[in-house]
Structures are given as C-alpha cells and as structure tokens.
C-alpha atoms as a PDB file:
ATOM      1  CA  MET A   1     -11.074   6.480   4.948  1.00  0.00           C
ATOM      2  CA  LYS A   2     -13.314   3.435   4.384  1.00  0.00           C
ATOM      3  CA  ILE A   3     -11.291   0.148   4.054  1.00  0.00           C
ATOM      4  CA  THR A   4     -13.006  -2.916   2.588  1.00  0.00           C
ATOM      5  CA  LEU A   5     -11.387  -6.307   2.597  1.00  0.00           C
ATOM      6  CA  LEU A   6     -12.769  -9.029   0.405  1.00  0.00           C
ATOM      7  CA  ILE A   7     -11.346 -12.610   0.600  1.00  0.00           C
ATOM      8  CA  THR A   8     -12.644 -15.322  -1.682  1.00  0.00           C
ATOM      9  CA  GLU A   9     -11.339 -18.683  -3.000  1.00  0.00           C
ATOM     10  CA  ASP A  10     -10.176 -16.853  -6.073  1.00  0.00           C
ATOM     11  CA  GLY A  11      -8.255 -14.062  -4.379  1.00  0.00           C
ATOM     12  CA  SER A  12      -8.361 -11.074  -2.113  1.00  0.00           C
ATOM     13  CA  GLN A  13      -9.032  -7.323  -2.620  1.00  0.00           C
ATOM     14  CA  VAL A  14      -8.398  -4.431  -0.474  1.00  0.00           C
ATOM     15  CA  THR A  15     -10.463  -1.189  -1.402  1.00  0.00           C
ATOM     16  CA  LEU A  16      -9.540   2.191   0.067  1.00  0.00           C
ATOM     17  CA  THR A  17     -12.374   4.749  -0.362  1.00  0.00           C
ATOM     18  CA  PRO A  18     -11.548   8.349   0.603  1.00  0.00           C
ATOM     19  CA  GLU A  19     -14.072  10.233   2.793  1.00  0.00           C
ATOM     20  CA  THR A  20     -12.144  13.646   2.667  1.00  0.00           C
ATOM     21  CA  GLU A  21     -10.368  15.686   0.037  1.00  0.00           C
ATOM     22  CA  VAL A  22      -6.988  15.051   1.963  1.00  0.00           C
ATOM     23  CA  GLU A  23      -7.606  11.246   1.716  1.00  0.00           C
ATOM     24  CA  GLU A  24      -8.523  11.624  -1.886  1.00  0.00           C
ATOM     25  CA  ARG A  25      -5.164  13.488  -2.583  1.00  0.00           C
ATOM     26  CA  ILE A  26      -3.331  10.735  -0.798  1.00  0.00           C
ATOM     27  CA  LEU A  27      -4.861   8.014  -2.731  1.00  0.00           C
ATOM     28  CA  ASP A  28      -4.267   9.971  -6.146  1.00  0.00           C
ATOM     29  CA  ALA A  29      -0.562  10.127  -5.154  1.00  0.00           C
ATOM     30  CA  LEU A  30      -0.542   6.318  -5.373  1.00  0.00           C
ATOM     31  CA  HIS A  31      -1.273   6.496  -9.018  1.00  0.00           C
ATOM     32  CA  LEU A  32       1.632   8.768  -9.945  1.00  0.00           C
ATOM     33  CA  GLU A  33       4.220   6.071 -10.573  1.00  0.00           C
ATOM     34  CA  PRO A  34       4.458   2.267 -10.610  1.00  0.00           C
ATOM     35  CA  LEU A  35       4.484   0.706  -7.089  1.00  0.00           C
ATOM     36  CA  ASP A  36       5.614  -2.744  -5.783  1.00  0.00           C
ATOM     37  CA  ILE A  37       3.561  -4.063  -2.847  1.00  0.00           C
ATOM     38  CA  ALA A  38       4.813  -6.339   0.017  1.00  0.00           C
ATOM     39  CA  ILE A  39       2.620  -7.684   2.837  1.00  0.00           C
ATOM     40  CA  ARG A  40       4.220  -7.833   6.298  1.00  0.00           C
ATOM     41  CA  ARG A  41       2.902  -9.149   9.692  1.00  0.00           C
ATOM     42  CA  ALA A  42       4.266  -7.872  12.939  1.00  0.00           C
ATOM     43  CA  GLY A  43       3.012  -6.397  16.205  1.00  0.00           C
ATOM     44  CA  GLN A  44       1.842  -2.849  16.823  1.00  0.00           C
ATOM     45  CA  PHE A  45       3.208  -0.087  14.665  1.00  0.00           C
ATOM     46  CA  GLY A  46       3.829   3.630  15.398  1.00  0.00           C
ATOM     47  CA  LEU A  47       5.348   6.617  13.667  1.00  0.00           C
ATOM     48  CA  THR A  48       9.072   7.129  14.537  1.00  0.00           C
ATOM     49  CA  GLN A  49      10.937  10.497  14.749  1.00  0.00           C
ATOM     50  CA  GLY A  50      12.302   9.865  11.190  1.00  0.00           C
ATOM     51  CA  GLY A  51       8.702   9.689   9.880  1.00  0.00           C
ATOM     52  CA  TYR A  52       8.623   5.970   9.241  1.00  0.00           C
ATOM     53  CA  PHE A  53       6.442   3.280  10.864  1.00  0.00           C
ATOM     54  CA  ARG A  54       8.020   0.623  12.725  1.00  0.00           C
ATOM     55  CA  GLU A  55       7.067  -1.946  15.297  1.00  0.00           C
ATOM     56  CA  PHE A  56       7.420  -0.957  18.956  1.00  0.00           C
ATOM     57  CA  ASP A  57       9.490  -3.412  20.856  1.00  0.00           C
ATOM     58  CA  ASN A  58       7.931  -2.709  24.164  1.00  0.00           C
ATOM     59  CA  SER A  59       4.275  -2.856  23.089  1.00  0.00           C
ATOM     60  CA  PRO A  60       2.042  -5.835  23.587  1.00  0.00           C
ATOM     61  CA  ARG A  61       1.945  -8.305  20.698  1.00  0.00           C
ATOM     62  CA  ILE A  62      -1.054  -7.340  18.597  1.00  0.00           C
ATOM     63  CA  GLU A  63      -0.896  -9.023  15.257  1.00  0.00           C
ATOM     64  CA  SER A  64      -1.191  -6.336  12.505  1.00  0.00           C
ATOM     65  CA  THR A  65      -0.880  -6.565   8.717  1.00  0.00           C
ATOM     66  CA  MET A  66       0.888  -3.901   6.815  1.00  0.00           C
ATOM     67  CA  LEU A  67       0.871  -3.281   3.016  1.00  0.00           C
ATOM     68  CA  VAL A  68       4.278  -1.824   2.162  1.00  0.00           C
ATOM     69  CA  LEU A  69       4.276   0.214  -1.134  1.00  0.00           C
ATOM     70  CA  THR A  70       7.699   0.995  -2.650  1.00  0.00           C
ATOM     71  CA  LYS A  71       8.643   2.512  -6.077  1.00  0.00           C
ATOM     72  CA  SER A  72       8.646  -0.239  -8.658  1.00  0.00           C
ATOM     73  CA  ARG A  73      12.102  -1.346  -9.916  1.00  0.00           C
ATOM     74  CA  ARG A  74      10.500  -2.854 -12.875  1.00  0.00           C
ATOM     75  CA  VAL A  75      10.756  -1.056 -16.176  1.00  0.00           C
ATOM     76  CA  GLU A  76       7.612  -1.314 -18.173  1.00  0.00           C
ATOM     77  CA  LYS A  77       7.714  -0.967 -21.989  1.00  0.00           C
ATOM     78  CA  THR A  78       5.689   1.762 -23.449  1.00  0.00           C
ATOM     79  CA  GLU A  79       3.045   1.116 -26.085  1.00  0.00           C
ATOM     80  CA  ALA A  80       5.445   2.613 -28.731  1.00  0.00           C
ATOM     81  CA  GLU A  81       8.029  -0.121 -27.741  1.00  0.00           C
ATOM     82  CA  GLY A  82       5.494  -2.895 -28.193  1.00  0.00           C
ATOM     83  CA  GLY A  83       4.730  -3.407 -24.489  1.00  0.00           C
ATOM     84  CA  ALA A  84       1.682  -2.979 -22.286  1.00  0.00           C
ATOM     85  CA  THR A  85       0.977   0.278 -20.698  1.00  0.00           C
ATOM     86  CA  SER A  86      -0.216   0.746 -17.097  1.00  0.00           C
ATOM     87  CA  ASP A  87      -3.117   2.948 -15.805  1.00  0.00           C
END
C-alpha cells in the first residue's frame, strides 16, 4: 500500500493507493457505509488477542498517528428526502 501525506496551508490529505488485490478490497470496504474519522496520537501500536490495535505499555515512546474509522452515527437524508447524497 502506498500512503501519501500532503500538508498545505489550506488543509491536509492522506491518499491510500493499493498495490495488491487484497489491499484494493480493503479500501473498497471503506466505501460500503458512511464513516466518521478521528485522529489519535500515542506510542507504538500492536494487535491484541481480541483483534484490536492498542498501545503497548511497555514499549518505547514512539510517536504514532492513527486514523480511527468508525461507523457514522449521522443519518444522511437521501436525495428523495431533499438532502444531499454521499458517494
């Protein structure tokens, strides 16, 4: 996966470009439903037995930034209801 980070005075952009079919399917899944995004900063992260990433308490402090995607709690109006639609 290629990851590009562009930071300008007007804003920031993160671009994810898949390099394999598996990565392409993972990115396609992000478009299946509306998502909210949060940006978190912490130390080094690793996968837990429950399948979630979390910070290791015993690891050296390496500053990482994590984009956390969760199902959106916002309800968008459909075009038929007079609201905007999402892609």
